């Protein structure tokens, strides 16, 4: 029985030769994130993977809003919005203040504003 050797062409962007550049590896290891930082960042991006949370953050990039107004704008129930805000608050993406019986939400800090702005710029760029 004759076996033909199958050759597959791959347009993969890989090295044709396996050469480790030790100086580059050493320099890269100096900037490697810790396991804890990696997990926290991954968890943050997971939270941002929810369309409702992105819509809430998008609203809050424009103005501080109370839960009632966010729910009305997104045409969702207050309890569903409150749940999402609780998750976002736990990740320090939003903060709130009480004014009487109202809870007003805003983005936690300028880093969250930058994160949203840069994400939007990135998707509009391509």
PDB file of N, CA and C in Angstrom:
ATOM      1  N   UNK A   1       0.849  -1.173   0.000  1.00  0.00           N
ATOM      2  CA  UNK A   1       0.000   0.000   0.000  1.00  0.00           C
ATOM      3  C   UNK A   1       0.897   1.239   0.000  1.00  0.00           C
ATOM      4  N   UNK A   2       0.594   2.164  -0.858  1.00  0.00           N
ATOM      5  CA  UNK A   2       1.377   3.398  -0.977  1.00  0.00           C
ATOM      6  C   UNK A   2       0.674   4.501  -0.186  1.00  0.00           C
ATOM      7  N   UNK A   3       1.440   5.139   0.678  1.00  0.00           N
ATOM      8  CA  UNK A   3       0.891   6.261   1.459  1.00  0.00           C
ATOM      9  C   UNK A   3       1.411   7.559   0.870  1.00  0.00           C
ATOM     10  N   UNK A   4       0.488   8.424   0.561  1.00  0.00           N
ATOM     11  CA  UNK A   4       0.892   9.737   0.061  1.00  0.00           C
ATOM     12  C   UNK A   4       1.054  10.676   1.241  1.00  0.00           C
ATOM     13  N   UNK A   5       2.083  11.451   1.192  1.00  0.00           N
ATOM     14  CA  UNK A   5       2.293  12.444   2.237  1.00  0.00           C
ATOM     15  C   UNK A   5       1.430  13.658   1.927  1.00  0.00           C
ATOM     16  N   UNK A   6       0.566  13.993   2.845  1.00  0.00           N
ATOM     17  CA  UNK A   6      -0.298  15.154   2.658  1.00  0.00           C
ATOM     18  C   UNK A   6       0.438  16.397   3.129  1.00  0.00           C
ATOM     19  N   UNK A   7       0.460  17.381   2.292  1.00  0.00           N
ATOM     20  CA  UNK A   7       1.064  18.646   2.693  1.00  0.00           C
ATOM     21  C   UNK A   7      -0.042  19.673   2.807  1.00  0.00           C
ATOM     22  N   UNK A   8      -0.061  20.334   3.919  1.00  0.00           N
ATOM     23  CA  UNK A   8      -1.052  21.371   4.153  1.00  0.00           C
ATOM     24  C   UNK A   8      -0.349  22.715   4.144  1.00  0.00           C
ATOM     25  N   UNK A   9      -0.959  23.639   3.489  1.00  0.00           N
ATOM     26  CA  UNK A   9      -0.399  24.984   3.510  1.00  0.00           C
ATOM     27  C   UNK A   9      -1.101  25.763   4.607  1.00  0.00           C
ATOM     28  N   UNK A  10      -0.313  26.477   5.300  1.00  0.00           N
ATOM     29  CA  UNK A  10      -0.843  27.271   6.414  1.00  0.00           C
ATOM     30  C   UNK A  10      -0.356  28.696   6.255  1.00  0.00           C
ATOM     31  N   UNK A  11      -1.283  29.579   6.307  1.00  0.00           N
ATOM     32  CA  UNK A  11      -0.919  30.993   6.270  1.00  0.00           C
ATOM     33  C   UNK A  11      -0.745  31.524   7.690  1.00  0.00           C
ATOM     34  N   UNK A  12      -0.415  30.621   8.589  1.00  0.00           N
ATOM     35  CA  UNK A  12      -0.242  30.999   9.988  1.00  0.00           C
ATOM     36  C   UNK A  12       0.961  31.914  10.125  1.00  0.00           C
ATOM     37  N   UNK A  13       0.827  32.840  11.015  1.00  0.00           N
ATOM     38  CA  UNK A  13       1.940  33.752  11.259  1.00  0.00           C
ATOM     39  C   UNK A  13       2.776  33.210  12.395  1.00  0.00           C
ATOM     40  N   UNK A  14       3.507  32.159  12.090  1.00  0.00           N
ATOM     41  CA  UNK A  14       4.391  31.539  13.072  1.00  0.00           C
ATOM     42  C   UNK A  14       5.808  31.557  12.530  1.00  0.00           C
ATOM     43  N   UNK A  15       6.756  31.304  13.387  1.00  0.00           N
ATOM     44  CA  UNK A  15       8.151  31.241  12.964  1.00  0.00           C
ATOM     45  C   UNK A  15       8.395  29.943  12.209  1.00  0.00           C
ATOM     46  N   UNK A  16       9.228  30.027  11.195  1.00  0.00           N
ATOM     47  CA  UNK A  16       9.622  28.827  10.476  1.00  0.00           C
ATOM     48  C   UNK A  16      10.784  28.139  11.182  1.00  0.00           C
ATOM     49  N   UNK A  17      11.447  28.854  12.033  1.00  0.00           N
ATOM     50  CA  UNK A  17      12.555  28.289  12.813  1.00  0.00           C
ATOM     51  C   UNK A  17      12.272  28.575  14.278  1.00  0.00           C
ATOM     52  N   UNK A  18      12.574  27.616  15.126  1.00  0.00           N
ATOM     53  CA  UNK A  18      12.333  27.802  16.551  1.00  0.00           C
ATOM     54  C   UNK A  18      13.601  28.359  17.183  1.00  0.00           C
ATOM     55  N   UNK A  19      13.600  29.660  17.398  1.00  0.00           N
ATOM     56  CA  UNK A  19      14.738  30.335  18.009  1.00  0.00           C
ATOM     57  C   UNK A  19      14.205  31.168  19.170  1.00  0.00           C
ATOM     58  N   UNK A  20      14.728  30.939  20.351  1.00  0.00           N
ATOM     59  CA  UNK A  20      14.324  31.711  21.522  1.00  0.00           C
ATOM     60  C   UNK A  20      15.346  32.827  21.712  1.00  0.00           C
ATOM     61  N   UNK A  21      14.851  34.028  21.753  1.00  0.00           N
ATOM     62  CA  UNK A  21      15.698  35.202  21.971  1.00  0.00           C
ATOM     63  C   UNK A  21      15.689  35.493  23.470  1.00  0.00           C
ATOM     64  N   UNK A  22      16.699  34.980  24.161  1.00  0.00           N
ATOM     65  CA  UNK A  22      16.730  35.030  25.620  1.00  0.00           C
ATOM     66  C   UNK A  22      16.644  36.444  26.171  1.00  0.00           C
ATOM     67  N   UNK A  23      17.248  37.408  25.508  1.00  0.00           N
ATOM     68  CA  UNK A  23      17.194  38.790  25.994  1.00  0.00           C
ATOM     69  C   UNK A  23      15.760  39.327  25.964  1.00  0.00           C
ATOM     70  N   UNK A  24      15.014  38.966  24.926  1.00  0.00           N
ATOM     71  CA  UNK A  24      13.625  39.414  24.825  1.00  0.00           C
ATOM     72  C   UNK A  24      12.753  38.714  25.865  1.00  0.00           C
ATOM     73  N   UNK A  25      13.011  37.426  26.082  1.00  0.00           N
ATOM     74  CA  UNK A  25      12.257  36.663  27.080  1.00  0.00           C
ATOM     75  C   UNK A  25      12.511  37.251  28.465  1.00  0.00           C
ATOM     76  N   UNK A  26      13.762  37.543  28.771  1.00  0.00           N
ATOM     77  CA  UNK A  26      14.101  38.122  30.079  1.00  0.00           C
ATOM     78  C   UNK A  26      13.412  39.474  30.276  1.00  0.00           C
ATOM     79  N   UNK A  27      13.458  40.330  29.261  1.00  0.00           N
ATOM     80  CA  UNK A  27      12.821  41.650  29.355  1.00  0.00           C
ATOM     81  C   UNK A  27      11.308  41.507  29.502  1.00  0.00           C
ATOM     82  N   UNK A  28      10.718  40.574  28.782  1.00  0.00           N
ATOM     83  CA  UNK A  28       9.268  40.368  28.863  1.00  0.00           C
ATOM     84  C   UNK A  28       8.868  39.889  30.246  1.00  0.00           C
ATOM     85  N   UNK A  29       9.655  39.009  30.845  1.00  0.00           N
ATOM     86  CA  UNK A  29       9.332  38.480  32.179  1.00  0.00           C
ATOM     87  C   UNK A  29       9.336  39.571  33.235  1.00  0.00           C
ATOM     88  N   UNK A  30      10.130  40.617  33.023  1.00  0.00           N
ATOM     89  CA  UNK A  30      10.165  41.729  33.977  1.00  0.00           C
ATOM     90  C   UNK A  30       8.836  42.481  34.007  1.00  0.00           C
ATOM     91  N   UNK A  31       8.076  42.404  32.909  1.00  0.00           N
ATOM     92  CA  UNK A  31       6.815  43.134  32.802  1.00  0.00           C
ATOM     93  C   UNK A  31       5.596  42.217  32.860  1.00  0.00           C
ATOM     94  N   UNK A  32       5.827  40.975  33.157  1.00  0.00           N
ATOM     95  CA  UNK A  32       4.733  40.007  33.218  1.00  0.00           C
ATOM     96  C   UNK A  32       3.822  40.317  34.398  1.00  0.00           C
ATOM     97  N   UNK A  33       2.513  40.311  34.160  1.00  0.00           N
ATOM     98  CA  UNK A  33       1.549  40.579  35.234  1.00  0.00           C
ATOM     99  C   UNK A  33       1.539  39.420  36.230  1.00  0.00           C
ATOM    100  N   UNK A  34       1.247  39.745  37.478  1.00  0.00           N
ATOM    101  CA  UNK A  34       1.110  38.690  38.477  1.00  0.00           C
ATOM    102  C   UNK A  34      -0.158  37.900  38.202  1.00  0.00           C
ATOM    103  N   UNK A  35      -0.251  36.723  38.766  1.00  0.00           N
ATOM    104  CA  UNK A  35      -1.440  35.890  38.592  1.00  0.00           C
ATOM    105  C   UNK A  35      -2.678  36.602  39.132  1.00  0.00           C
ATOM    106  N   UNK A  36      -2.529  37.263  40.276  1.00  0.00           N
ATOM    107  CA  UNK A  36      -3.659  37.977  40.872  1.00  0.00           C
ATOM    108  C   UNK A  36      -4.150  39.108  39.969  1.00  0.00           C
ATOM    109  N   UNK A  37      -3.220  39.905  39.446  1.00  0.00           N
ATOM    110  CA  UNK A  37      -3.582  40.998  38.552  1.00  0.00           C
ATOM    111  C   UNK A  37      -4.251  40.465  37.287  1.00  0.00           C
ATOM    112  N   UNK A  38      -3.710  39.383  36.759  1.00  0.00           N
ATOM    113  CA  UNK A  38      -4.280  38.767  35.561  1.00  0.00           C
ATOM    114  C   UNK A  38      -5.724  38.344  35.804  1.00  0.00           C
ATOM    115  N   UNK A  39      -5.984  37.720  36.943  1.00  0.00           N
ATOM    116  CA  UNK A  39      -7.333  37.258  37.267  1.00  0.00           C
ATOM    117  C   UNK A  39      -8.297  38.425  37.453  1.00  0.00           C
ATOM    118  N   UNK A  40      -7.865  39.462  38.141  1.00  0.00           N
ATOM    119  CA  UNK A  40      -8.729  40.626  38.367  1.00  0.00           C
ATOM    120  C   UNK A  40      -9.064  41.298  37.040  1.00  0.00           C
ATOM    121  N   UNK A  41      -8.078  41.453  36.173  1.00  0.00           N
ATOM    122  CA  UNK A  41      -8.314  42.084  34.879  1.00  0.00           C
ATOM    123  C   UNK A  41      -9.239  41.220  34.021  1.00  0.00           C
ATOM    124  N   UNK A  42      -9.017  39.911  34.036  1.00  0.00           N
ATOM    125  CA  UNK A  42      -9.885  39.001  33.271  1.00  0.00           C
ATOM    126  C   UNK A  42     -11.318  39.074  33.784  1.00  0.00           C
ATOM    127  N   UNK A  43     -11.484  39.123  35.098  1.00  0.00           N
ATOM    128  CA  UNK A  43     -12.831  39.232  35.679  1.00  0.00           C
ATOM    129  C   UNK A  43     -13.500  40.545  35.274  1.00  0.00           C
ATOM    130  N   UNK A  44     -12.729  41.621  35.236  1.00  0.00           N
ATOM    131  CA  UNK A  44     -13.277  42.913  34.820  1.00  0.00           C
ATOM    132  C   UNK A  44     -13.763  42.842  33.375  1.00  0.00           C
ATOM    133  N   UNK A  45     -12.946  42.243  32.511  1.00  0.00           N
ATOM    134  CA  UNK A  45     -13.364  42.123  31.110  1.00  0.00           C
ATOM    135  C   UNK A  45     -14.558  41.190  30.960  1.00  0.00           C
ATOM    136  N   UNK A  46     -14.663  40.173  31.805  1.00  0.00           N
ATOM    137  CA  UNK A  46     -15.851  39.309  31.779  1.00  0.00           C
ATOM    138  C   UNK A  46     -17.099  40.123  32.108  1.00  0.00           C
ATOM    139  N   UNK A  47     -16.987  40.975  33.128  1.00  0.00           N
ATOM    140  CA  UNK A  47     -18.128  41.823  33.499  1.00  0.00           C
ATOM    141  C   UNK A  47     -18.525  42.745  32.348  1.00  0.00           C
ATOM    142  N   UNK A  48     -17.536  43.208  31.617  1.00  0.00           N
ATOM    143  CA  UNK A  48     -17.811  44.108  30.493  1.00  0.00           C
ATOM    144  C   UNK A  48     -18.360  43.351  29.289  1.00  0.00           C
ATOM    145  N   UNK A  49     -18.390  42.038  29.362  1.00  0.00           N
ATOM    146  CA  UNK A  49     -18.906  41.226  28.271  1.00  0.00           C
ATOM    147  C   UNK A  49     -20.419  41.121  28.237  1.00  0.00           C
ATOM    148  N   UNK A  50     -21.091  41.776  29.156  1.00  0.00           N
ATOM    149  CA  UNK A  50     -22.551  41.722  29.213  1.00  0.00           C
ATOM    150  C   UNK A  50     -23.133  42.974  28.559  1.00  0.00           C
ATOM    151  N   UNK A  51     -23.979  42.811  27.539  1.00  0.00           N
ATOM    152  CA  UNK A  51     -24.528  43.984  26.829  1.00  0.00           C
ATOM    153  C   UNK A  51     -25.294  44.957  27.726  1.00  0.00           C
ATOM    154  N   UNK A  52     -26.046  44.447  28.698  1.00  0.00           N
ATOM    155  CA  UNK A  52     -26.795  45.347  29.585  1.00  0.00           C
ATOM    156  C   UNK A  52     -25.840  46.199  30.406  1.00  0.00           C
ATOM    157  N   UNK A  53     -24.777  45.597  30.905  1.00  0.00           N
ATOM    158  CA  UNK A  53     -23.810  46.365  31.696  1.00  0.00           C
ATOM    159  C   UNK A  53     -23.126  47.418  30.835  1.00  0.00           C
ATOM    160  N   UNK A  54     -22.814  47.074  29.587  1.00  0.00           N
ATOM    161  CA  UNK A  54     -22.195  48.047  28.685  1.00  0.00           C
ATOM    162  C   UNK A  54     -23.151  49.208  28.429  1.00  0.00           C
ATOM    163  N   UNK A  55     -24.420  48.898  28.246  1.00  0.00           N
ATOM    164  CA  UNK A  55     -25.410  49.964  28.019  1.00  0.00           C
ATOM    165  C   UNK A  55     -25.514  50.876  29.239  1.00  0.00           C
ATOM    166  N   UNK A  56     -25.493  50.292  30.432  1.00  0.00           N
ATOM    167  CA  UNK A  56     -25.545  51.092  31.660  1.00  0.00           C
ATOM    168  C   UNK A  56     -24.316  51.989  31.747  1.00  0.00           C
ATOM    169  N   UNK A  57     -23.141  51.412  31.523  1.00  0.00           N
ATOM    170  CA  UNK A  57     -21.915  52.217  31.573  1.00  0.00           C
ATOM    171  C   UNK A  57     -21.941  53.308  30.512  1.00  0.00           C
ATOM    172  N   UNK A  58     -22.488  52.990  29.336  1.00  0.00           N
ATOM    173  CA  UNK A  58     -22.611  53.994  28.280  1.00  0.00           C
ATOM    174  C   UNK A  58     -23.472  55.163  28.707  1.00  0.00           C
ATOM    175  N   UNK A  59     -24.577  54.865  29.382  1.00  0.00           N
ATOM    176  CA  UNK A  59     -25.438  55.939  29.889  1.00  0.00           C
ATOM    177  C   UNK A  59     -24.697  56.787  30.917  1.00  0.00           C
ATOM    178  N   UNK A  60     -23.962  56.120  31.782  1.00  0.00           N
ATOM    179  CA  UNK A  60     -23.289  56.833  32.866  1.00  0.00           C
ATOM    180  C   UNK A  60     -22.065  57.612  32.400  1.00  0.00           C
ATOM    181  N   UNK A  61     -21.594  57.355  31.165  1.00  0.00           N
ATOM    182  CA  UNK A  61     -20.506  58.188  30.652  1.00  0.00           C
ATOM    183  C   UNK A  61     -21.016  59.595  30.353  1.00  0.00           C
ATOM    184  N   UNK A  62     -22.346  59.721  30.154  1.00  0.00           N
ATOM    185  CA  UNK A  62     -22.939  61.009  29.827  1.00  0.00           C
ATOM    186  C   UNK A  62     -23.351  61.794  31.067  1.00  0.00           C
ATOM    187  N   UNK A  63     -23.920  61.078  32.047  1.00  0.00           N
ATOM    188  CA  UNK A  63     -24.505  61.739  33.225  1.00  0.00           C
ATOM    189  C   UNK A  63     -24.617  60.775  34.384  1.00  0.00           C
ATOM    190  N   UNK A  64     -24.636  61.327  35.565  1.00  0.00           N
ATOM    191  CA  UNK A  64     -25.044  60.575  36.745  1.00  0.00           C
ATOM    192  C   UNK A  64     -26.543  60.323  36.591  1.00  0.00           C
ATOM    193  N   UNK A  65     -27.002  59.137  36.955  1.00  0.00           N
ATOM    194  CA  UNK A  65     -28.426  58.827  36.809  1.00  0.00           C
ATOM    195  C   UNK A  65     -28.920  58.035  38.008  1.00  0.00           C
ATOM    196  N   UNK A  66     -30.198  58.185  38.307  1.00  0.00           N
ATOM    197  CA  UNK A  66     -30.787  57.371  39.361  1.00  0.00           C
ATOM    198  C   UNK A  66     -31.265  56.054  38.747  1.00  0.00           C
ATOM    199  N   UNK A  67     -31.437  55.058  39.600  1.00  0.00           N
ATOM    200  CA  UNK A  67     -31.827  53.729  39.153  1.00  0.00           C
ATOM    201  C   UNK A  67     -33.114  53.776  38.334  1.00  0.00           C
ATOM    202  N   UNK A  68     -34.087  54.562  38.779  1.00  0.00           N
ATOM    203  CA  UNK A  68     -35.369  54.665  38.070  1.00  0.00           C
ATOM    204  C   UNK A  68     -35.185  55.142  36.643  1.00  0.00           C
ATOM    205  N   UNK A  69     -34.325  56.146  36.464  1.00  0.00           N
ATOM    206  CA  UNK A  69     -34.100  56.697  35.128  1.00  0.00           C
ATOM    207  C   UNK A  69     -33.346  55.718  34.225  1.00  0.00           C
ATOM    208  N   UNK A  70     -32.396  54.994  34.791  1.00  0.00           N
ATOM    209  CA  UNK A  70     -31.674  53.985  34.005  1.00  0.00           C
ATOM    210  C   UNK A  70     -32.654  52.905  33.551  1.00  0.00           C
ATOM    211  N   UNK A  71     -33.494  52.444  34.481  1.00  0.00           N
ATOM    212  CA  UNK A  71     -34.475  51.402  34.155  1.00  0.00           C
ATOM    213  C   UNK A  71     -35.436  51.884  33.070  1.00  0.00           C
ATOM    214  N   UNK A  72     -35.913  53.106  33.185  1.00  0.00           N
ATOM    215  CA  UNK A  72     -36.844  53.648  32.188  1.00  0.00           C
ATOM    216  C   UNK A  72     -36.166  53.799  30.826  1.00  0.00           C
ATOM    217  N   UNK A  73     -34.939  54.281  30.823  1.00  0.00           N
ATOM    218  CA  UNK A  73     -34.210  54.473  29.568  1.00  0.00           C
ATOM    219  C   UNK A  73     -33.986  53.142  28.851  1.00  0.00           C
ATOM    220  N   UNK A  74     -33.609  52.108  29.614  1.00  0.00           N
ATOM    221  CA  UNK A  74     -33.326  50.799  29.021  1.00  0.00           C
ATOM    222  C   UNK A  74     -34.569  49.915  28.913  1.00  0.00           C
ATOM    223  N   UNK A  75     -35.706  50.447  29.385  1.00  0.00           N
ATOM    224  CA  UNK A  75     -36.976  49.701  29.374  1.00  0.00           C
ATOM    225  C   UNK A  75     -36.822  48.342  30.054  1.00  0.00           C
ATOM    226  N   UNK A  76     -36.282  48.407  31.256  1.00  0.00           N
ATOM    227  CA  UNK A  76     -36.079  47.207  32.067  1.00  0.00           C
ATOM    228  C   UNK A  76     -36.610  47.481  33.468  1.00  0.00           C
ATOM    229  N   UNK A  77     -36.783  46.427  34.224  1.00  0.00           N
ATOM    230  CA  UNK A  77     -37.244  46.575  35.596  1.00  0.00           C
ATOM    231  C   UNK A  77     -36.156  47.119  36.500  1.00  0.00           C
ATOM    232  N   UNK A  78     -36.591  47.813  37.552  1.00  0.00           N
ATOM    233  CA  UNK A  78     -35.637  48.377  38.509  1.00  0.00           C
ATOM    234  C   UNK A  78     -34.811  47.298  39.186  1.00  0.00           C
ATOM    235  N   UNK A  79     -35.417  46.156  39.493  1.00  0.00           N
ATOM    236  CA  UNK A  79     -34.663  45.111  40.193  1.00  0.00           C
ATOM    237  C   UNK A  79     -33.563  44.550  39.294  1.00  0.00           C
ATOM    238  N   UNK A  80     -33.840  44.401  37.995  1.00  0.00           N
ATOM    239  CA  UNK A  80     -32.811  43.907  37.065  1.00  0.00           C
ATOM    240  C   UNK A  80     -31.664  44.910  36.955  1.00  0.00           C
ATOM    241  N   UNK A  81     -32.005  46.188  36.880  1.00  0.00           N
ATOM    242  CA  UNK A  81     -30.982  47.231  36.793  1.00  0.00           C
ATOM    243  C   UNK A  81     -30.192  47.292  38.101  1.00  0.00           C
ATOM    244  N   UNK A  82     -30.891  47.207  39.224  1.00  0.00           N
ATOM    245  CA  UNK A  82     -30.207  47.234  40.521  1.00  0.00           C
ATOM    246  C   UNK A  82     -29.218  46.084  40.642  1.00  0.00           C
ATOM    247  N   UNK A  83     -29.613  44.916  40.163  1.00  0.00           N
ATOM    248  CA  UNK A  83     -28.714  43.757  40.202  1.00  0.00           C
ATOM    249  C   UNK A  83     -27.448  44.043  39.391  1.00  0.00           C
ATOM    250  N   UNK A  84     -27.616  44.560  38.173  1.00  0.00           N
ATOM    251  CA  UNK A  84     -26.457  44.851  37.326  1.00  0.00           C
ATOM    252  C   UNK A  84     -25.578  45.943  37.940  1.00  0.00           C
ATOM    253  N   UNK A  85     -26.201  46.939  38.540  1.00  0.00           N
ATOM    254  CA  UNK A  85     -25.438  48.004  39.193  1.00  0.00           C
ATOM    255  C   UNK A  85     -24.663  47.472  40.398  1.00  0.00           C
ATOM    256  N   UNK A  86     -25.244  46.531  41.112  1.00  0.00           N
ATOM    257  CA  UNK A  86     -24.565  45.912  42.264  1.00  0.00           C
ATOM    258  C   UNK A  86     -23.306  45.174  41.777  1.00  0.00           C
ATOM    259  N   UNK A  87     -23.414  44.465  40.656  1.00  0.00           N
ATOM    260  CA  UNK A  87     -22.267  43.761  40.077  1.00  0.00           C
ATOM    261  C   UNK A  87     -21.197  44.766  39.650  1.00  0.00           C
ATOM    262  N   UNK A  88     -21.618  45.826  38.973  1.00  0.00           N
ATOM    263  CA  UNK A  88     -20.680  46.850  38.522  1.00  0.00           C
ATOM    264  C   UNK A  88     -20.021  47.573  39.696  1.00  0.00           C
ATOM    265  N   UNK A  89     -20.790  47.782  40.756  1.00  0.00           N
ATOM    266  CA  UNK A  89     -20.241  48.442  41.949  1.00  0.00           C
ATOM    267  C   UNK A  89     -19.215  47.539  42.627  1.00  0.00           C
ATOM    268  N   UNK A  90     -19.496  46.231  42.651  1.00  0.00           N
ATOM    269  CA  UNK A  90     -18.557  45.275  43.241  1.00  0.00           C
ATOM    270  C   UNK A  90     -17.223  45.248  42.512  1.00  0.00           C
ATOM    271  N   UNK A  91     -17.253  45.554  41.230  1.00  0.00           N
ATOM    272  CA  UNK A  91     -16.034  45.600  40.421  1.00  0.00           C
ATOM    273  C   UNK A  91     -15.418  46.995  40.399  1.00  0.00           C
ATOM    274  N   UNK A  92     -15.975  47.913  41.168  1.00  0.00           N
ATOM    275  CA  UNK A  92     -15.527  49.301  41.260  1.00  0.00           C
ATOM    276  C   UNK A  92     -15.578  50.025  39.919  1.00  0.00           C
ATOM    277  N   UNK A  93     -16.587  49.680  39.110  1.00  0.00           N
ATOM    278  CA  UNK A  93     -16.783  50.375  37.842  1.00  0.00           C
ATOM    279  C   UNK A  93     -17.777  51.514  37.994  1.00  0.00           C
ATOM    280  N   UNK A  94     -18.691  51.394  38.964  1.00  0.00           N
ATOM    281  CA  UNK A  94     -19.628  52.465  39.263  1.00  0.00           C
ATOM    282  C   UNK A  94     -19.632  52.717  40.770  1.00  0.00           C
ATOM    283  N   UNK A  95     -20.115  53.892  41.129  1.00  0.00           N
ATOM    284  CA  UNK A  95     -20.300  54.244  42.542  1.00  0.00           C
ATOM    285  C   UNK A  95     -21.681  54.865  42.671  1.00  0.00           C
ATOM    286  N   UNK A  96     -22.162  54.950  43.890  1.00  0.00           N
ATOM    287  CA  UNK A  96     -23.474  55.556  44.070  1.00  0.00           C
ATOM    288  C   UNK A  96     -23.475  56.456  45.288  1.00  0.00           C
ATOM    289  N   UNK A  97     -24.470  57.300  45.298  1.00  0.00           N
ATOM    290  CA  UNK A  97     -24.712  58.161  46.457  1.00  0.00           C
ATOM    291  C   UNK A  97     -26.213  58.183  46.680  1.00  0.00           C
ATOM    292  N   UNK A  98     -26.601  58.319  47.914  1.00  0.00           N
ATOM    293  CA  UNK A  98     -28.020  58.398  48.262  1.00  0.00           C
ATOM    294  C   UNK A  98     -28.402  59.857  48.421  1.00  0.00           C
ATOM    295  N   UNK A  99     -29.542  60.186  47.858  1.00  0.00           N
ATOM    296  CA  UNK A  99     -30.122  61.514  48.036  1.00  0.00           C
ATOM    297  C   UNK A  99     -31.567  61.273  48.445  1.00  0.00           C
ATOM    298  N   UNK A 100     -31.813  61.330  49.738  1.00  0.00           N
ATOM    299  CA  UNK A 100     -33.130  60.955  50.237  1.00  0.00           C
ATOM    300  C   UNK A 100     -33.345  59.480  49.991  1.00  0.00           C
ATOM    301  N   UNK A 101     -34.407  59.141  49.273  1.00  0.00           N
ATOM    302  CA  UNK A 101     -34.693  57.744  48.963  1.00  0.00           C
ATOM    303  C   UNK A 101     -34.147  57.314  47.600  1.00  0.00           C
ATOM    304  N   UNK A 102     -33.521  58.256  46.899  1.00  0.00           N
ATOM    305  CA  UNK A 102     -33.006  57.960  45.564  1.00  0.00           C
ATOM    306  C   UNK A 102     -31.541  57.533  45.622  1.00  0.00           C
ATOM    307  N   UNK A 103     -31.187  56.576  44.755  1.00  0.00           N
ATOM    308  CA  UNK A 103     -29.799  56.147  44.609  1.00  0.00           C
ATOM    309  C   UNK A 103     -29.305  56.635  43.250  1.00  0.00           C
ATOM    310  N   UNK A 104     -28.275  57.480  43.269  1.00  0.00           N
ATOM    311  CA  UNK A 104     -27.713  58.063  42.057  1.00  0.00           C
ATOM    312  C   UNK A 104     -26.393  57.371  41.745  1.00  0.00           C
ATOM    313  N   UNK A 105     -26.249  56.920  40.497  1.00  0.00           N
ATOM    314  CA  UNK A 105     -25.055  56.194  40.080  1.00  0.00           C
ATOM    315  C   UNK A 105     -24.238  57.013  39.088  1.00  0.00           C
ATOM    316  N   UNK A 106     -22.928  56.815  39.169  1.00  0.00           N
ATOM    317  CA  UNK A 106     -21.994  57.426  38.218  1.00  0.00           C
ATOM    318  C   UNK A 106     -20.828  56.471  38.046  1.00  0.00           C
ATOM    319  N   UNK A 107     -20.010  56.733  37.035  1.00  0.00           N
ATOM    320  CA  UNK A 107     -18.821  55.916  36.840  1.00  0.00           C
ATOM    321  C   UNK A 107     -17.874  56.155  38.005  1.00  0.00           C
ATOM    322  N   UNK A 108     -17.167  55.116  38.401  1.00  0.00           N
ATOM    323  CA  UNK A 108     -16.335  55.197  39.602  1.00  0.00           C
ATOM    324  C   UNK A 108     -15.218  56.225  39.497  1.00  0.00           C
ATOM    325  N   UNK A 109     -14.542  56.273  38.354  1.00  0.00           N
ATOM    326  CA  UNK A 109     -13.468  57.249  38.192  1.00  0.00           C
ATOM    327  C   UNK A 109     -13.154  57.456  36.715  1.00  0.00           C
ATOM    328  N   UNK A 110     -12.164  58.277  36.452  1.00  0.00           N
ATOM    329  CA  UNK A 110     -11.825  58.615  35.065  1.00  0.00           C
ATOM    330  C   UNK A 110     -11.281  57.417  34.288  1.00  0.00           C
ATOM    331  N   UNK A 111     -10.771  56.395  34.990  1.00  0.00           N
ATOM    332  CA  UNK A 111     -10.276  55.204  34.298  1.00  0.00           C
ATOM    333  C   UNK A 111     -11.412  54.471  33.581  1.00  0.00           C
ATOM    334  N   UNK A 112     -12.577  54.441  34.200  1.00  0.00           N
ATOM    335  CA  UNK A 112     -13.721  53.769  33.588  1.00  0.00           C
ATOM    336  C   UNK A 112     -14.188  54.551  32.368  1.00  0.00           C
ATOM    337  N   UNK A 113     -14.165  55.871  32.478  1.00  0.00           N
ATOM    338  CA  UNK A 113     -14.510  56.719  31.334  1.00  0.00           C
ATOM    339  C   UNK A 113     -13.537  56.436  30.188  1.00  0.00           C
ATOM    340  N   UNK A 114     -12.251  56.371  30.494  1.00  0.00           N
ATOM    341  CA  UNK A 114     -11.232  56.096  29.477  1.00  0.00           C
ATOM    342  C   UNK A 114     -11.418  54.720  28.865  1.00  0.00           C
ATOM    343  N   UNK A 115     -11.713  53.734  29.693  1.00  0.00           N
ATOM    344  CA  UNK A 115     -11.924  52.371  29.219  1.00  0.00           C
ATOM    345  C   UNK A 115     -13.064  52.324  28.206  1.00  0.00           C
ATOM    346  N   UNK A 116     -14.169  52.977  28.540  1.00  0.00           N
ATOM    347  CA  UNK A 116     -15.314  53.022  27.632  1.00  0.00           C
ATOM    348  C   UNK A 116     -14.969  53.796  26.357  1.00  0.00           C
ATOM    349  N   UNK A 117     -14.343  54.949  26.497  1.00  0.00           N
ATOM    350  CA  UNK A 117     -13.996  55.778  25.343  1.00  0.00           C
ATOM    351  C   UNK A 117     -13.031  55.061  24.410  1.00  0.00           C
ATOM    352  N   UNK A 118     -12.022  54.440  24.973  1.00  0.00           N
ATOM    353  CA  UNK A 118     -11.040  53.738  24.142  1.00  0.00           C
ATOM    354  C   UNK A 118     -11.648  52.521  23.470  1.00  0.00           C
ATOM    355  N   UNK A 119     -12.535  51.821  24.160  1.00  0.00           N
ATOM    356  CA  UNK A 119     -13.228  50.696  23.550  1.00  0.00           C
ATOM    357  C   UNK A 119     -14.054  51.130  22.360  1.00  0.00           C
ATOM    358  N   UNK A 120     -14.779  52.242  22.509  1.00  0.00           N
ATOM    359  CA  UNK A 120     -15.580  52.774  21.404  1.00  0.00           C
ATOM    360  C   UNK A 120     -14.700  53.232  20.249  1.00  0.00           C
ATOM    361  N   UNK A 121     -13.600  53.911  20.570  1.00  0.00           N
ATOM    362  CA  UNK A 121     -12.680  54.348  19.526  1.00  0.00           C
ATOM    363  C   UNK A 121     -12.141  53.142  18.752  1.00  0.00           C
ATOM    364  N   UNK A 122     -11.823  52.097  19.475  1.00  0.00           N
ATOM    365  CA  UNK A 122     -11.258  50.902  18.844  1.00  0.00           C
ATOM    366  C   UNK A 122     -12.241  50.268  17.849  1.00  0.00           C
ATOM    367  N   UNK A 123     -13.504  50.133  18.254  1.00  0.00           N
ATOM    368  CA  UNK A 123     -14.455  49.478  17.342  1.00  0.00           C
ATOM    369  C   UNK A 123     -14.822  50.384  16.171  1.00  0.00           C
ATOM    370  N   UNK A 124     -14.775  51.693  16.360  1.00  0.00           N
ATOM    371  CA  UNK A 124     -15.072  52.621  15.267  1.00  0.00           C
ATOM    372  C   UNK A 124     -13.895  52.724  14.298  1.00  0.00           C
ATOM    373  N   UNK A 125     -12.705  52.476  14.793  1.00  0.00           N
ATOM    374  CA  UNK A 125     -11.486  52.593  13.995  1.00  0.00           C
ATOM    375  C   UNK A 125     -11.430  51.553  12.873  1.00  0.00           C
ATOM    376  N   UNK A 126     -11.865  50.341  13.174  1.00  0.00           N
ATOM    377  CA  UNK A 126     -11.720  49.240  12.218  1.00  0.00           C
ATOM    378  C   UNK A 126     -12.814  49.185  11.236  1.00  0.00           C
TER     379      UNK A 126
END
